[in-house]
Amino acid sequence: MREIALCLLLSVSGALAHAEPPVQSRELQILWTGLGYQVGIDNDPPWSGALIELDGQSVYVIESPDAYYPPTVVHLRCYPEETLPLGGDGLMSITAHVALQEARKRLKLPESAFSELMPVVYGELQGYEVVYKDLAQNSEAKLAFVTNRQGQLMTQQAWTLPGKITHAQPALTRVWENIQFVSSVR
């Protein structure tokens, strides 16, 4: 009898050892920001989003849930008064470089704290992004300067633990690829 119980226990534990890990749901919750665009954020586990005033400007803040690793915060800022002509990639590149220099001065960070500015496309948004070490926040950050199809400027900024931005990237990509402006929503 003991041998049968032991065999059953070993076969069950062996089956569990070879079981596939559960697949995390990629269900999104679609949130209207009140700033002329909607954003899709993870719903399992549910992330949260809220509109706040920061430095006199409306910023949509998205936060990972408490149990999420690495903890991540995203700020989305729109500049409705700032637009670039469509197809003006050269102008977008110049704008991104100038904005990056301004951000570097405001953050008081050396140029060596920033990676190279790289072109990106996230859904209907395109532009440039950079990764940097935010010493004041003791975090690693990603900053993207993008425009939508109408040329409206937006910055997307995310912070997480030092060295963990690549771990947070899939969630960031889902957020950034699921931003749609009112003029684009059908």
C-alpha atoms as a PDB file:
ATOM      1  CA  MET A   1       0.000   0.000   0.000  1.00  0.00           C
ATOM      2  CA  ARG A   2       2.844   2.364   0.838  1.00  0.00           C
ATOM      3  CA  GLU A   3       4.437   1.658  -2.530  1.00  0.00           C
ATOM      4  CA  ILE A   4       1.222   2.525  -4.378  1.00  0.00           C
ATOM      5  CA  ALA A   5       0.846   5.821  -2.473  1.00  0.00           C
ATOM      6  CA  LEU A   6       4.501   6.670  -3.155  1.00  0.00           C
ATOM      7  CA  CYS A   7       4.089   5.885  -6.877  1.00  0.00           C
ATOM      8  CA  LEU A   8       0.974   8.074  -7.079  1.00  0.00           C
ATOM      9  CA  LEU A   9       2.752  10.914  -5.268  1.00  0.00           C
ATOM     10  CA  LEU A  10       5.776  10.700  -7.583  1.00  0.00           C
ATOM     11  CA  SER A  11       3.658  10.592 -10.744  1.00  0.00           C
ATOM     12  CA  VAL A  12       1.614  13.648  -9.644  1.00  0.00           C
ATOM     13  CA  SER A  13       4.710  15.627  -8.673  1.00  0.00           C
ATOM     14  CA  GLY A  14       6.382  14.667 -11.962  1.00  0.00           C
ATOM     15  CA  ALA A  15       3.349  15.865 -13.927  1.00  0.00           C
ATOM     16  CA  LEU A  16       3.374  19.157 -12.030  1.00  0.00           C
ATOM     17  CA  ALA A  17       7.071  19.662 -12.697  1.00  0.00           C
ATOM     18  CA  HIS A  18       6.437  19.389 -16.457  1.00  0.00           C
ATOM     19  CA  ALA A  19       3.279  21.511 -16.489  1.00  0.00           C
ATOM     20  CA  GLU A  20       3.343  24.717 -18.522  1.00  0.00           C
ATOM     21  CA  PRO A  21       3.422  27.924 -16.475  1.00  0.00           C
ATOM     22  CA  PRO A  22       0.133  29.819 -16.617  1.00  0.00           C
ATOM     23  CA  VAL A  23      -0.124  32.403 -19.384  1.00  0.00           C
ATOM     24  CA  GLN A  24      -0.769  35.922 -18.093  1.00  0.00           C
ATOM     25  CA  SER A  25      -3.864  37.512 -19.591  1.00  0.00           C
ATOM     26  CA  ARG A  26      -3.276  40.473 -21.866  1.00  0.00           C
ATOM     27  CA  GLU A  27      -6.779  41.851 -21.441  1.00  0.00           C
ATOM     28  CA  LEU A  28      -6.722  45.624 -21.605  1.00  0.00           C
ATOM     29  CA  GLN A  29      -8.935  48.185 -19.951  1.00  0.00           C
ATOM     30  CA  ILE A  30      -9.525  51.198 -22.192  1.00  0.00           C
ATOM     31  CA  LEU A  31      -9.467  54.491 -20.302  1.00  0.00           C
ATOM     32  CA  TRP A  32     -10.438  57.932 -21.593  1.00  0.00           C
ATOM     33  CA  THR A  33      -7.908  60.416 -20.301  1.00  0.00           C
ATOM     34  CA  GLY A  34      -9.969  63.564 -20.741  1.00  0.00           C
ATOM     35  CA  LEU A  35      -7.098  64.964 -22.807  1.00  0.00           C
ATOM     36  CA  GLY A  36      -8.273  63.975 -26.280  1.00  0.00           C
ATOM     37  CA  TYR A  37      -7.001  60.390 -26.304  1.00  0.00           C
ATOM     38  CA  GLN A  38      -7.720  56.996 -24.823  1.00  0.00           C
ATOM     39  CA  VAL A  39      -5.182  54.516 -23.534  1.00  0.00           C
ATOM     40  CA  GLY A  40      -5.296  50.753 -23.079  1.00  0.00           C
ATOM     41  CA  ILE A  41      -3.623  49.470 -19.912  1.00  0.00           C
ATOM     42  CA  ASP A  42      -3.228  45.966 -18.496  1.00  0.00           C
ATOM     43  CA  ASN A  43      -6.266  44.646 -16.678  1.00  0.00           C
ATOM     44  CA  ASP A  44      -4.849  41.405 -15.243  1.00  0.00           C
ATOM     45  CA  PRO A  45      -3.464  42.413 -12.884  1.00  0.00           C
ATOM     46  CA  PRO A  46      -5.227  45.779 -13.213  1.00  0.00           C
ATOM     47  CA  TRP A  47      -3.069  48.865 -13.590  1.00  0.00           C
ATOM     48  CA  SER A  48      -4.500  52.215 -12.544  1.00  0.00           C
ATOM     49  CA  GLY A  49      -4.691  55.535 -14.348  1.00  0.00           C
ATOM     50  CA  ALA A  50      -5.490  59.066 -13.190  1.00  0.00           C
ATOM     51  CA  LEU A  51      -5.314  62.617 -14.481  1.00  0.00           C
ATOM     52  CA  ILE A  52      -3.207  64.936 -12.308  1.00  0.00           C
ATOM     53  CA  GLU A  53      -1.762  68.450 -12.508  1.00  0.00           C
ATOM     54  CA  LEU A  54       2.038  68.481 -12.526  1.00  0.00           C
ATOM     55  CA  ASP A  55       4.093  71.632 -13.038  1.00  0.00           C
ATOM     56  CA  GLY A  56       0.945  73.433 -14.210  1.00  0.00           C
ATOM     57  CA  GLN A  57       0.193  70.851 -16.876  1.00  0.00           C
ATOM     58  CA  SER A  58      -2.274  67.970 -17.115  1.00  0.00           C
ATOM     59  CA  VAL A  59      -0.499  64.614 -16.990  1.00  0.00           C
ATOM     60  CA  TYR A  60      -2.107  61.194 -17.250  1.00  0.00           C
ATOM     61  CA  VAL A  61      -0.350  58.893 -14.763  1.00  0.00           C
ATOM     62  CA  ILE A  62      -0.472  55.108 -15.067  1.00  0.00           C
ATOM     63  CA  GLU A  63       0.825  52.882 -12.247  1.00  0.00           C
ATOM     64  CA  SER A  64       1.458  49.168 -12.006  1.00  0.00           C
ATOM     65  CA  PRO A  65      -0.355  47.307  -9.214  1.00  0.00           C
ATOM     66  CA  ASP A  66       1.403  46.721  -5.892  1.00  0.00           C
ATOM     67  CA  ALA A  67       2.162  43.067  -6.660  1.00  0.00           C
ATOM     68  CA  TYR A  68       3.704  43.840 -10.089  1.00  0.00           C
ATOM     69  CA  TYR A  69       7.460  43.478 -10.597  1.00  0.00           C
ATOM     70  CA  PRO A  70       9.187  45.657 -11.434  1.00  0.00           C
ATOM     71  CA  PRO A  71       7.053  48.506 -10.093  1.00  0.00           C
ATOM     72  CA  THR A  72       6.462  50.925 -12.957  1.00  0.00           C
ATOM     73  CA  VAL A  73       4.994  54.421 -13.330  1.00  0.00           C
ATOM     74  CA  VAL A  74       4.149  56.044 -16.677  1.00  0.00           C
ATOM     75  CA  HIS A  75       3.448  59.736 -17.394  1.00  0.00           C
ATOM     76  CA  LEU A  76       1.708  60.756 -20.616  1.00  0.00           C
ATOM     77  CA  ARG A  77       1.763  64.436 -21.601  1.00  0.00           C
ATOM     78  CA  CYS A  78       0.104  65.939 -24.641  1.00  0.00           C
ATOM     79  CA  TYR A  79       0.995  69.277 -26.118  1.00  0.00           C
ATOM     80  CA  PRO A  80      -2.148  70.240 -28.079  1.00  0.00           C
ATOM     81  CA  GLU A  81      -0.694  73.622 -29.031  1.00  0.00           C
ATOM     82  CA  GLU A  82       2.403  71.964 -30.527  1.00  0.00           C
ATOM     83  CA  THR A  83       2.117  70.139 -33.852  1.00  0.00           C
ATOM     84  CA  LEU A  84       4.588  69.089 -36.493  1.00  0.00           C
ATOM     85  CA  PRO A  85       3.840  68.883 -40.217  1.00  0.00           C
ATOM     86  CA  LEU A  86       3.002  65.355 -41.348  1.00  0.00           C
ATOM     87  CA  GLY A  87       5.882  63.479 -42.920  1.00  0.00           C
ATOM     88  CA  GLY A  88       8.353  65.793 -41.198  1.00  0.00           C
ATOM     89  CA  ASP A  89      10.639  63.093 -39.795  1.00  0.00           C
ATOM     90  CA  GLY A  90      13.656  65.407 -40.022  1.00  0.00           C
ATOM     91  CA  LEU A  91      11.803  68.009 -37.984  1.00  0.00           C
ATOM     92  CA  MET A  92      10.714  65.338 -35.470  1.00  0.00           C
ATOM     93  CA  SER A  93      14.337  64.262 -35.081  1.00  0.00           C
ATOM     94  CA  ILE A  94      15.441  67.846 -34.432  1.00  0.00           C
ATOM     95  CA  THR A  95      12.532  68.391 -32.022  1.00  0.00           C
ATOM     96  CA  ALA A  96      13.407  65.201 -30.113  1.00  0.00           C
ATOM     97  CA  HIS A  97      17.082  66.166 -29.848  1.00  0.00           C
ATOM     98  CA  VAL A  98      16.244  69.679 -28.592  1.00  0.00           C
ATOM     99  CA  ALA A  99      13.660  68.322 -26.129  1.00  0.00           C
ATOM    100  CA  LEU A 100      16.184  65.758 -24.877  1.00  0.00           C
ATOM    101  CA  GLN A 101      18.764  68.482 -24.226  1.00  0.00           C
ATOM    102  CA  GLU A 102      16.156  70.498 -22.322  1.00  0.00           C
ATOM    103  CA  ALA A 103      15.181  67.418 -20.275  1.00  0.00           C
ATOM    104  CA  ARG A 104      18.840  66.677 -19.543  1.00  0.00           C
ATOM    105  CA  LYS A 105      19.362  70.240 -18.257  1.00  0.00           C
ATOM    106  CA  ARG A 106      16.150  70.187 -16.195  1.00  0.00           C
ATOM    107  CA  LEU A 107      17.086  66.824 -14.645  1.00  0.00           C
ATOM    108  CA  LYS A 108      20.687  68.001 -14.136  1.00  0.00           C
ATOM    109  CA  LEU A 109      22.042  64.752 -15.546  1.00  0.00           C
ATOM    110  CA  PRO A 110      25.256  64.276 -17.513  1.00  0.00           C
ATOM    111  CA  GLU A 111      24.996  63.275 -21.156  1.00  0.00           C
ATOM    112  CA  SER A 112      26.547  59.915 -20.225  1.00  0.00           C
ATOM    113  CA  ALA A 113      23.385  59.051 -18.220  1.00  0.00           C
ATOM    114  CA  PHE A 114      21.430  58.784 -21.507  1.00  0.00           C
ATOM    115  CA  SER A 115      21.417  56.120 -24.202  1.00  0.00           C
ATOM    116  CA  GLU A 116      21.383  57.057 -27.873  1.00  0.00           C
ATOM    117  CA  LEU A 117      18.121  58.559 -29.154  1.00  0.00           C
ATOM    118  CA  MET A 118      16.432  55.811 -31.215  1.00  0.00           C
ATOM    119  CA  PRO A 119      13.520  55.950 -33.682  1.00  0.00           C
ATOM    120  CA  VAL A 120      10.329  54.164 -32.507  1.00  0.00           C
ATOM    121  CA  VAL A 121       6.819  53.380 -33.678  1.00  0.00           C
ATOM    122  CA  TYR A 122       4.097  52.529 -31.157  1.00  0.00           C
ATOM    123  CA  GLY A 123       0.756  51.924 -32.866  1.00  0.00           C
ATOM    124  CA  GLU A 124      -0.278  55.234 -34.442  1.00  0.00           C
ATOM    125  CA  LEU A 125       2.551  57.110 -32.705  1.00  0.00           C
ATOM    126  CA  GLN A 126       6.047  57.564 -34.056  1.00  0.00           C
ATOM    127  CA  GLY A 127       9.100  59.430 -32.901  1.00  0.00           C
ATOM    128  CA  TYR A 128      12.227  58.862 -30.815  1.00  0.00           C
ATOM    129  CA  GLU A 129      13.041  57.457 -27.395  1.00  0.00           C
ATOM    130  CA  VAL A 130      15.926  57.294 -24.978  1.00  0.00           C
ATOM    131  CA  VAL A 131      16.692  55.343 -21.781  1.00  0.00           C
ATOM    132  CA  TYR A 132      18.412  57.107 -18.905  1.00  0.00           C
ATOM    133  CA  LYS A 133      19.384  56.710 -15.283  1.00  0.00           C
ATOM    134  CA  ASP A 134      17.282  59.056 -13.133  1.00  0.00           C
ATOM    135  CA  LEU A 135      19.623  59.604 -10.197  1.00  0.00           C
ATOM    136  CA  ALA A 136      17.163  61.781  -8.251  1.00  0.00           C
ATOM    137  CA  GLN A 137      14.544  59.009  -8.327  1.00  0.00           C
ATOM    138  CA  ASN A 138      17.091  56.153  -8.017  1.00  0.00           C
ATOM    139  CA  SER A 139      15.446  54.588 -11.055  1.00  0.00           C
ATOM    140  CA  GLU A 140      15.894  53.785 -14.697  1.00  0.00           C
ATOM    141  CA  ALA A 141      13.641  55.699 -17.062  1.00  0.00           C
ATOM    142  CA  LYS A 142      12.523  55.677 -20.659  1.00  0.00           C
ATOM    143  CA  LEU A 143      11.461  58.874 -22.381  1.00  0.00           C
ATOM    144  CA  ALA A 144       9.772  58.969 -25.792  1.00  0.00           C
ATOM    145  CA  PHE A 145       8.993  62.020 -27.914  1.00  0.00           C
ATOM    146  CA  VAL A 146       6.267  61.028 -30.365  1.00  0.00           C
ATOM    147  CA  THR A 147       3.589  62.464 -32.639  1.00  0.00           C
ATOM    148  CA  ASN A 148       0.262  61.047 -33.753  1.00  0.00           C
ATOM    149  CA  ARG A 149      -0.990  60.968 -37.352  1.00  0.00           C
ATOM    150  CA  GLN A 150      -2.092  64.591 -37.089  1.00  0.00           C
ATOM    151  CA  GLY A 151       1.355  65.725 -35.932  1.00  0.00           C
ATOM    152  CA  GLN A 152       0.330  66.365 -32.304  1.00  0.00           C
ATOM    153  CA  LEU A 153       3.249  66.057 -29.885  1.00  0.00           C
ATOM    154  CA  MET A 154       3.235  63.777 -26.849  1.00  0.00           C
ATOM    155  CA  THR A 155       5.854  62.679 -24.366  1.00  0.00           C
ATOM    156  CA  GLN A 156       5.737  59.253 -22.783  1.00  0.00           C
ATOM    157  CA  GLN A 157       7.913  58.743 -19.747  1.00  0.00           C
ATOM    158  CA  ALA A 158       8.270  55.614 -17.619  1.00  0.00           C
ATOM    159  CA  TRP A 159      10.234  54.886 -14.454  1.00  0.00           C
ATOM    160  CA  THR A 160      11.138  51.574 -12.865  1.00  0.00           C
ATOM    161  CA  LEU A 161      13.894  50.037 -10.753  1.00  0.00           C
ATOM    162  CA  PRO A 162      17.505  50.492 -11.914  1.00  0.00           C
ATOM    163  CA  GLY A 163      18.386  47.928 -14.582  1.00  0.00           C
ATOM    164  CA  LYS A 164      14.762  46.765 -15.014  1.00  0.00           C
ATOM    165  CA  ILE A 165      13.461  48.850 -17.928  1.00  0.00           C
ATOM    166  CA  THR A 166      13.817  45.875 -20.296  1.00  0.00           C
ATOM    167  CA  HIS A 167      11.677  43.798 -17.898  1.00  0.00           C
ATOM    168  CA  ALA A 168       8.973  46.495 -17.906  1.00  0.00           C
ATOM    169  CA  GLN A 169       9.166  47.005 -21.698  1.00  0.00           C
ATOM    170  CA  PRO A 170       6.405  44.519 -22.682  1.00  0.00           C
ATOM    171  CA  ALA A 171       3.904  46.321 -20.435  1.00  0.00           C
ATOM    172  CA  LEU A 172       5.139  49.728 -21.659  1.00  0.00           C
ATOM    173  CA  THR A 173       4.783  48.622 -25.264  1.00  0.00           C
ATOM    174  CA  ARG A 174       1.202  47.492 -24.630  1.00  0.00           C
ATOM    175  CA  VAL A 175       0.373  50.889 -23.100  1.00  0.00           C
ATOM    176  CA  TRP A 176       2.125  52.933 -25.767  1.00  0.00           C
ATOM    177  CA  GLU A 177       0.773  50.886 -28.690  1.00  0.00           C
ATOM    178  CA  ASN A 178      -2.756  51.291 -27.345  1.00  0.00           C
ATOM    179  CA  ILE A 179      -2.943  55.079 -27.273  1.00  0.00           C
ATOM    180  CA  GLN A 180      -5.520  56.446 -29.680  1.00  0.00           C
ATOM    181  CA  PHE A 181      -6.463  60.058 -30.204  1.00  0.00           C
ATOM    182  CA  VAL A 182     -10.135  61.021 -30.537  1.00  0.00           C
ATOM    183  CA  SER A 183      -9.621  61.847 -34.215  1.00  0.00           C
ATOM    184  CA  SER A 184      -8.308  58.278 -34.755  1.00  0.00           C
ATOM    185  CA  VAL A 185     -10.954  56.365 -32.795  1.00  0.00           C
ATOM    186  CA  ARG A 186     -13.590  54.957 -35.123  1.00  0.00           C
END
